[in-house]
Amino acid sequence: MTMDGPERRSDLTADLVVVANRLPVRRIHLEEGEDAEWGISPGGLVSALAPVLADRRRFAWVGWPGDADAPSEPFTHEGMRLVPIPMSPEEHEYHYEGMSNGTHWPLYHDKVEPAEFHRHWYDGYRRVNRRFADRVAETAAENATIWIQDYQLQLVPGFLRALRPDLTIGFFLHIPFPPPELFQQIPWRDQLTVGLLGADLLGFQTRDGADNFIRLASSLDLAQPGGDSTLHHNGREVQVRAFPIGIDVDRYSAGAKRPEIATRAAAVRERLGNPKAVLLGVDRLDYTKGIDVRLRAFKELLAEERFAPGEVVLIQVAEPSRDNVEAYVALKERVQGLVGEINGDFARVGITPVHYIHQSRDFD
């Protein structure tokens, strides 16, 4: 899992460039005095894109490497050509923790937590998006295809369109896109909408999300709707489509059938006391996942004696997430408190109703 080494600039022209907030790798810090290694990130974006990119040879992935002291020069890892985007701690705070996850994330999820709006957040967001666009423009071959990912980079299509009109630009939003009435609360709604309209193809998870964007662009008088889910903007046609995304079902199905996995599953069930049912939740620790709601429901079932403690066991794996964002810190405390309450109220000697794992887990 080591870094294969830097590449010459001339080696990095790519026919397909994936652009995401993070590179698909993370640094693994070893013992003091040893060099850090790279490992594949466990995130949902990597899981979703890996099957698509597996057979592509001339592609590059542009993204933030994860910390300020990571290499800033392009490098390869396990055959992937990776182009880091440097980001200072302040830029990361304003762009990622602020605008992306303090404004866009809660607003796009219909205010599970209240969104905040700060000019310095937007200024940092714009500055980082411009840096991404500049690096992609350097990396892409002539007439290359660019595939931009998610809400952290909504200004990149517009910047890139101005820099490299020869490129074919796609953008996919991995989270819901809100109705215009919600989106228009953002003070920089015009800039964000124009940024997205720089793409040739805009992809959304659902038809509702695609329709919401068409209505938004039309209501702001920034584009004119055409036939068959298209918008006309600055003499160009922008396709707006729904592309529901999911996991690699075949990979997970095949993994579950492996004999060693079945043996381990049986051993886990035995250690749990061979309950009648095992409920398993595997989620990122995020307020949109409903982990706290799930725990309260499980507690209610125990309180109503729908089953006895030990007959049904809940295993909740919660991938650590955004530990520097206040709402996530509060969620972590709330979830841990609920786990403690349930086990305190309903545990018996040798019986633990909820097993809570706040750790990253690999595929196996």
Protein backbone atom coordinates (compact mmCIF):
# COMPACT_ATOMS: atom_id res chain seq x y z
CA MET A 1 0.00 0.00 0.00
CA THR A 2 2.83 2.37 -0.71
CA MET A 3 2.96 5.30 -3.06
CA ASP A 4 4.33 4.18 -6.42
CA GLY A 5 5.95 7.54 -7.03
CA PRO A 6 5.46 10.93 -8.69
CA GLU A 7 4.68 11.19 -12.38
CA ARG A 8 5.94 13.62 -14.96
CA ARG A 9 3.44 16.30 -15.95
CA SER A 10 3.41 14.94 -19.52
CA ASP A 11 2.32 11.53 -18.22
CA LEU A 12 -0.84 12.92 -16.68
CA THR A 13 -2.89 13.95 -19.69
CA ALA A 14 -6.01 11.85 -19.30
CA ASP A 15 -9.00 11.09 -21.50
CA LEU A 16 -11.21 10.66 -18.43
CA VAL A 17 -10.74 12.78 -15.31
CA VAL A 18 -12.73 12.08 -12.15
CA VAL A 19 -12.95 15.13 -9.90
CA ALA A 20 -13.99 14.67 -6.27
CA ASN A 21 -13.40 16.48 -3.01
CA ARG A 22 -11.18 13.62 -1.80
CA LEU A 23 -8.75 11.33 -3.53
CA PRO A 24 -9.80 7.66 -3.32
CA VAL A 25 -6.92 6.97 -0.92
CA ARG A 26 -6.09 7.94 2.64
CA ARG A 27 -2.79 8.16 4.47
CA ILE A 28 -2.16 5.48 7.07
CA HIS A 29 0.21 6.78 9.73
CA LEU A 30 2.49 4.07 11.07
CA GLU A 31 4.89 4.00 14.00
CA GLU A 32 6.90 7.12 14.77
CA GLY A 33 9.80 7.47 12.37
CA GLU A 34 8.18 5.39 9.62
CA ASP A 35 6.82 6.85 6.40
CA ALA A 36 3.05 6.96 6.04
CA GLU A 37 1.45 4.55 3.58
CA TRP A 38 -1.55 4.95 1.31
CA GLY A 39 -4.65 2.77 1.53
CA ILE A 40 -7.93 2.77 -0.40
CA SER A 41 -10.57 4.91 1.30
CA PRO A 42 -13.71 3.17 2.60
CA GLY A 43 -16.16 5.87 1.50
CA GLY A 44 -19.34 5.42 -0.51
CA LEU A 45 -18.06 7.47 -3.45
CA VAL A 46 -15.08 5.17 -3.95
CA SER A 47 -17.35 2.11 -3.70
CA ALA A 48 -19.73 3.58 -6.28
CA LEU A 49 -17.09 4.60 -8.83
CA ALA A 50 -14.53 1.80 -8.52
CA PRO A 51 -16.44 -0.68 -10.74
CA VAL A 52 -16.84 1.96 -13.46
CA LEU A 53 -13.16 2.91 -13.45
CA ALA A 54 -11.66 -0.55 -13.03
CA ASP A 55 -10.98 -1.06 -16.74
CA ARG A 56 -10.03 2.51 -17.64
CA ARG A 57 -6.37 3.05 -18.41
CA ARG A 58 -6.03 6.72 -19.33
CA PHE A 59 -7.87 8.24 -16.42
CA ALA A 60 -6.83 10.47 -13.55
CA TRP A 61 -8.51 11.29 -10.23
CA VAL A 62 -8.22 14.86 -8.95
CA GLY A 63 -8.93 15.54 -5.27
CA TRP A 64 -7.72 16.64 -1.86
CA PRO A 65 -5.29 14.09 -0.33
CA GLY A 66 -6.67 14.46 3.19
CA ASP A 67 -4.09 16.49 5.11
CA ALA A 68 -1.91 19.54 4.68
CA ASP A 69 1.45 17.73 4.66
CA ALA A 70 0.50 15.15 2.02
CA PRO A 71 2.37 15.19 -1.32
CA SER A 72 1.23 17.91 -3.71
CA GLU A 73 2.68 16.32 -6.86
CA PRO A 74 0.76 13.73 -8.92
CA PHE A 75 1.47 10.09 -8.04
CA THR A 76 0.16 6.61 -8.74
CA HIS A 77 -1.29 4.08 -6.31
CA GLU A 78 -2.36 0.56 -7.27
CA GLY A 79 -2.48 1.64 -10.89
CA MET A 80 -4.57 4.76 -10.24
CA ARG A 81 -3.19 8.11 -11.37
CA LEU A 82 -3.90 10.61 -8.61
CA VAL A 83 -3.60 14.40 -8.74
CA PRO A 84 -3.64 16.08 -5.30
CA ILE A 85 -5.21 19.47 -4.65
CA PRO A 86 -3.55 21.26 -1.71
CA MET A 87 -5.77 22.92 0.85
CA SER A 88 -4.77 24.91 3.92
CA PRO A 89 -6.47 24.19 7.27
CA GLU A 90 -8.42 27.46 6.93
CA GLU A 91 -9.52 26.63 3.39
CA HIS A 92 -10.63 23.18 4.52
CA GLU A 93 -12.62 24.76 7.36
CA TYR A 94 -14.41 27.27 5.12
CA HIS A 95 -14.87 25.10 2.02
CA TYR A 96 -15.59 21.69 3.53
CA GLU A 97 -16.69 22.04 7.14
CA GLY A 98 -18.38 25.38 6.47
CA MET A 99 -20.02 25.86 3.07
CA SER A 100 -20.21 22.19 2.08
CA ASN A 101 -21.35 20.67 5.36
CA GLY A 102 -22.72 23.65 7.25
CA THR A 103 -24.73 25.08 4.34
CA HIS A 104 -25.29 22.62 1.49
CA TRP A 105 -25.58 19.33 3.37
CA PRO A 106 -28.34 20.32 5.82
CA LEU A 107 -30.22 22.46 3.28
CA TYR A 108 -30.19 19.78 0.58
CA HIS A 109 -31.48 17.25 3.12
CA ASP A 110 -34.36 19.59 3.98
CA LYS A 111 -33.00 21.01 7.22
CA VAL A 112 -32.44 17.96 9.35
CA GLU A 113 -30.10 20.48 10.98
CA PRO A 114 -30.41 24.24 10.28
CA ALA A 115 -28.20 25.56 7.48
CA GLU A 116 -25.86 28.50 8.08
CA PHE A 117 -24.79 31.16 5.59
CA HIS A 118 -21.47 33.01 5.93
CA ARG A 119 -19.68 35.05 3.28
CA HIS A 120 -16.22 33.84 4.31
CA TRP A 121 -17.43 30.26 3.89
CA TYR A 122 -18.55 31.01 0.34
CA ASP A 123 -15.32 32.88 -0.46
CA GLY A 124 -13.29 29.85 0.66
CA TYR A 125 -15.59 27.50 -1.26
CA ARG A 126 -15.19 29.55 -4.43
CA ARG A 127 -11.41 29.75 -4.07
CA VAL A 128 -11.04 25.98 -3.64
CA ASN A 129 -13.42 25.23 -6.52
CA ARG A 130 -11.36 27.50 -8.77
CA ARG A 131 -8.17 25.66 -7.78
CA PHE A 132 -9.80 22.34 -8.68
CA ALA A 133 -10.84 23.70 -12.07
CA ASP A 134 -7.34 25.01 -12.81
CA ARG A 135 -5.76 21.65 -12.00
CA VAL A 136 -8.29 19.71 -14.06
CA ALA A 137 -7.66 22.01 -17.02
CA GLU A 138 -3.95 21.14 -16.79
CA THR A 139 -4.58 17.41 -16.42
CA ALA A 140 -7.17 16.76 -19.13
CA ALA A 141 -6.22 15.76 -22.65
CA GLU A 142 -7.80 17.55 -25.60
CA ASN A 143 -11.53 16.74 -25.86
CA ALA A 144 -11.36 14.71 -22.65
CA THR A 145 -14.37 13.74 -20.55
CA ILE A 146 -14.57 15.23 -17.06
CA TRP A 147 -16.73 13.65 -14.36
CA ILE A 148 -17.23 16.00 -11.39
CA GLN A 149 -18.65 14.60 -8.18
CA ASP A 150 -20.96 16.08 -5.60
CA TYR A 151 -21.94 19.16 -3.67
CA GLN A 152 -18.44 20.27 -2.63
CA LEU A 153 -17.58 21.18 -6.26
CA GLN A 154 -20.69 22.83 -7.72
CA LEU A 155 -18.77 25.82 -9.11
CA VAL A 156 -16.18 23.71 -10.92
CA PRO A 157 -18.23 23.01 -14.10
CA GLY A 158 -18.66 26.72 -14.81
CA PHE A 159 -15.02 27.58 -14.13
CA LEU A 160 -13.85 24.65 -16.25
CA ARG A 161 -16.17 25.52 -19.13
CA ALA A 162 -14.53 28.95 -19.36
CA LEU A 163 -11.01 27.48 -19.17
CA ARG A 164 -11.47 24.50 -21.51
CA PRO A 165 -14.49 24.72 -23.82
CA ASP A 166 -13.26 21.61 -25.68
CA LEU A 167 -14.04 19.34 -22.72
CA THR A 168 -17.15 17.25 -22.22
CA ILE A 169 -18.20 17.91 -18.64
CA GLY A 170 -20.49 15.77 -16.51
CA PHE A 171 -21.56 16.48 -12.94
CA PHE A 172 -23.27 14.05 -10.58
CA LEU A 173 -24.86 14.99 -7.26
CA HIS A 174 -24.78 12.12 -4.77
CA ILE A 175 -27.26 13.70 -2.33
CA PRO A 176 -30.81 15.05 -2.82
CA PHE A 177 -31.29 18.29 -4.72
CA PRO A 178 -33.87 20.44 -2.91
CA PRO A 179 -36.93 22.24 -4.27
CA PRO A 180 -36.27 25.79 -5.54
CA GLU A 181 -38.04 27.23 -2.50
CA LEU A 182 -35.32 25.79 -0.25
CA PHE A 183 -32.36 26.40 -2.56
CA GLN A 184 -33.22 30.06 -2.99
CA GLN A 185 -32.45 30.67 0.68
CA ILE A 186 -28.76 30.52 -0.31
CA PRO A 187 -27.42 34.06 -0.91
CA TRP A 188 -25.16 32.74 -3.70
CA ARG A 189 -27.90 30.80 -5.49
CA ASP A 190 -27.22 32.42 -8.88
CA GLN A 191 -23.49 31.69 -8.76
CA LEU A 192 -24.05 28.05 -7.78
CA THR A 193 -26.70 27.53 -10.45
CA VAL A 194 -24.52 29.05 -13.17
CA GLY A 195 -21.65 26.89 -11.96
CA LEU A 196 -23.71 23.74 -12.44
CA LEU A 197 -24.94 24.91 -15.84
CA GLY A 198 -21.34 24.76 -17.05
CA ALA A 199 -21.78 20.99 -17.39
CA ASP A 200 -23.00 19.23 -20.52
CA LEU A 201 -24.77 16.61 -18.43
CA LEU A 202 -26.14 17.06 -14.92
CA GLY A 203 -26.96 13.85 -13.07
CA PHE A 204 -29.15 13.53 -9.99
CA GLN A 205 -30.12 10.60 -7.80
CA THR A 206 -33.85 10.93 -8.52
CA ARG A 207 -36.22 12.36 -11.09
CA ASP A 208 -37.47 14.78 -8.43
CA GLY A 209 -33.95 16.15 -7.99
CA ALA A 210 -33.53 16.66 -11.74
CA ASP A 211 -36.93 18.37 -11.99
CA ASN A 212 -36.08 20.59 -9.02
CA PHE A 213 -32.97 21.85 -10.80
CA ILE A 214 -34.84 22.52 -14.04
CA ARG A 215 -37.44 24.52 -12.11
CA LEU A 216 -34.71 26.38 -10.22
CA ALA A 217 -32.72 27.42 -13.29
CA SER A 218 -35.91 28.52 -15.03
CA SER A 219 -37.25 30.46 -12.04
CA LEU A 220 -33.95 32.34 -11.69
CA ASP A 221 -34.09 33.12 -15.44
CA LEU A 222 -30.65 31.58 -15.89
CA ALA A 223 -31.71 28.94 -18.43
CA GLN A 224 -34.67 28.13 -20.63
CA PRO A 225 -36.26 24.67 -20.49
CA GLY A 226 -36.23 22.62 -23.67
CA GLY A 227 -37.74 19.30 -24.55
CA ASP A 228 -36.72 15.94 -23.11
CA SER A 229 -35.19 17.20 -19.84
CA THR A 230 -32.85 19.79 -21.29
CA LEU A 231 -31.97 23.38 -20.47
CA HIS A 232 -30.62 26.04 -22.83
CA HIS A 233 -27.90 28.23 -21.32
CA ASN A 234 -25.58 30.65 -23.14
CA GLY A 235 -26.19 28.99 -26.49
CA ARG A 236 -25.52 25.50 -25.13
CA GLU A 237 -27.77 22.57 -24.35
CA VAL A 238 -27.49 21.06 -20.86
CA GLN A 239 -28.92 17.59 -20.33
CA VAL A 240 -30.54 17.05 -16.91
CA ARG A 241 -31.08 13.40 -16.01
CA ALA A 242 -31.77 11.04 -13.10
CA PHE A 243 -29.22 8.26 -12.52
CA PRO A 244 -30.03 6.29 -9.35
CA ILE A 245 -26.75 5.01 -7.93
CA GLY A 246 -26.10 2.03 -5.70
CA ILE A 247 -23.53 -0.46 -4.50
CA ASP A 248 -21.84 -3.19 -6.54
CA VAL A 249 -24.46 -5.85 -5.75
CA ASP A 250 -22.55 -8.71 -7.39
CA ARG A 251 -19.46 -8.00 -5.29
CA TYR A 252 -21.38 -7.97 -2.02
CA SER A 253 -23.42 -11.03 -2.94
CA ALA A 254 -20.31 -12.99 -3.88
CA GLY A 255 -18.57 -11.88 -0.69
CA ALA A 256 -21.44 -13.04 1.50
CA LYS A 257 -21.27 -16.52 -0.07
CA ARG A 258 -17.58 -17.06 0.66
CA PRO A 259 -17.13 -20.01 3.08
CA GLU A 260 -14.80 -18.09 5.39
CA ILE A 261 -17.36 -15.28 5.72
CA ALA A 262 -20.13 -17.76 6.58
CA THR A 263 -17.86 -19.32 9.22
CA ARG A 264 -17.08 -15.93 10.75
CA ALA A 265 -20.76 -14.95 10.74
CA ALA A 266 -21.66 -18.14 12.61
CA ALA A 267 -18.92 -17.44 15.15
CA VAL A 268 -20.20 -13.89 15.69
CA ARG A 269 -23.74 -15.14 16.23
CA GLU A 270 -22.48 -17.68 18.77
CA ARG A 271 -20.58 -14.98 20.68
CA LEU A 272 -23.81 -12.98 20.79
CA GLY A 273 -25.58 -15.89 22.49
CA ASN A 274 -27.28 -17.30 19.36
CA PRO A 275 -30.16 -14.79 19.30
CA LYS A 276 -33.24 -15.42 17.17
CA ALA A 277 -32.41 -12.36 15.07
CA VAL A 278 -29.41 -10.09 14.57
CA LEU A 279 -30.12 -6.57 13.33
CA LEU A 280 -27.14 -4.98 11.58
CA GLY A 281 -26.67 -1.32 10.75
CA VAL A 282 -23.59 -0.10 8.88
CA ASP A 283 -23.62 3.65 8.36
CA ARG A 284 -21.46 6.71 8.40
CA LEU A 285 -22.11 8.60 11.65
CA ASP A 286 -24.29 11.28 10.09
CA TYR A 287 -27.57 12.85 11.17
CA THR A 288 -29.17 11.94 7.83
CA LYS A 289 -28.72 8.21 8.50
CA GLY A 290 -31.20 8.00 11.37
CA ILE A 291 -28.96 6.03 13.74
CA ASP A 292 -30.39 7.79 16.79
CA VAL A 293 -33.94 7.20 15.54
CA ARG A 294 -33.13 3.51 14.99
CA LEU A 295 -31.82 3.21 18.54
CA ARG A 296 -34.89 4.88 20.02
CA ALA A 297 -37.13 2.50 18.05
CA PHE A 298 -35.15 -0.50 19.31
CA LYS A 299 -35.43 0.79 22.87
CA GLU A 300 -39.18 1.20 22.48
CA LEU A 301 -39.56 -2.39 21.27
CA LEU A 302 -37.64 -3.63 24.30
CA ALA A 303 -39.71 -1.47 26.65
CA GLU A 304 -42.93 -2.84 25.14
CA GLU A 305 -41.60 -6.39 25.59
CA ARG A 306 -42.01 -7.21 21.91
CA PHE A 307 -39.03 -9.50 22.49
CA ALA A 308 -36.87 -10.33 25.48
CA PRO A 309 -33.34 -8.94 25.84
CA GLY A 310 -31.03 -11.33 24.03
CA GLU A 311 -33.66 -12.66 21.62
CA VAL A 312 -32.86 -9.84 19.21
CA VAL A 313 -29.46 -8.13 19.17
CA LEU A 314 -28.61 -4.90 17.37
CA ILE A 315 -25.10 -4.39 15.98
CA GLN A 316 -24.54 -0.80 14.87
CA VAL A 317 -21.34 0.05 13.02
CA ALA A 318 -20.91 3.83 12.82
CA GLU A 319 -18.07 5.00 10.59
CA PRO A 320 -16.43 8.09 12.18
CA SER A 321 -17.31 11.22 10.22
CA ARG A 322 -16.67 14.97 10.31
CA ASP A 323 -15.46 15.05 13.89
CA ASN A 324 -14.73 18.79 13.63
CA VAL A 325 -18.31 19.74 12.72
CA GLU A 326 -20.40 20.72 15.76
CA ALA A 327 -23.57 18.94 14.64
CA TYR A 328 -21.65 15.67 14.23
CA VAL A 329 -20.00 15.97 17.63
CA ALA A 330 -23.46 16.42 19.16
CA LEU A 331 -24.79 13.42 17.21
CA LYS A 332 -21.92 11.23 18.39
CA GLU A 333 -22.67 12.13 22.01
CA ARG A 334 -26.39 11.53 21.48
CA VAL A 335 -25.86 8.10 19.91
CA GLN A 336 -23.39 7.00 22.56
CA GLY A 337 -25.80 8.17 25.25
CA LEU A 338 -28.65 6.14 23.73
CA VAL A 339 -26.49 3.02 23.52
CA GLY A 340 -25.60 3.44 27.18
CA GLU A 341 -29.25 3.95 28.17
CA ILE A 342 -30.46 0.86 26.31
CA ASN A 343 -27.74 -1.40 27.64
CA GLY A 344 -28.09 0.05 31.12
CA ASP A 345 -31.86 -0.51 31.19
CA PHE A 346 -32.12 -3.88 29.47
CA ALA A 347 -28.80 -5.73 29.73
CA ARG A 348 -28.52 -8.93 31.75
CA VAL A 349 -25.43 -10.83 32.82
CA GLY A 350 -24.02 -12.19 29.56
CA ILE A 351 -26.61 -10.32 27.44
CA THR A 352 -25.91 -6.99 25.73
CA PRO A 353 -28.81 -5.70 23.59
CA VAL A 354 -26.76 -3.19 21.52
CA HIS A 355 -23.22 -3.66 20.26
CA TYR A 356 -21.93 -0.29 19.06
CA ILE A 357 -18.76 -0.09 16.94
CA HIS A 358 -17.53 3.44 16.24
CA GLN A 359 -14.70 2.42 13.91
CA SER A 360 -13.87 2.16 10.23
CA ARG A 361 -14.30 -1.35 8.86
CA ASP A 362 -12.95 -2.81 5.63
CA PHE A 363 -15.02 -4.79 3.13
CA ASP A 364 -14.30 -8.21 4.65
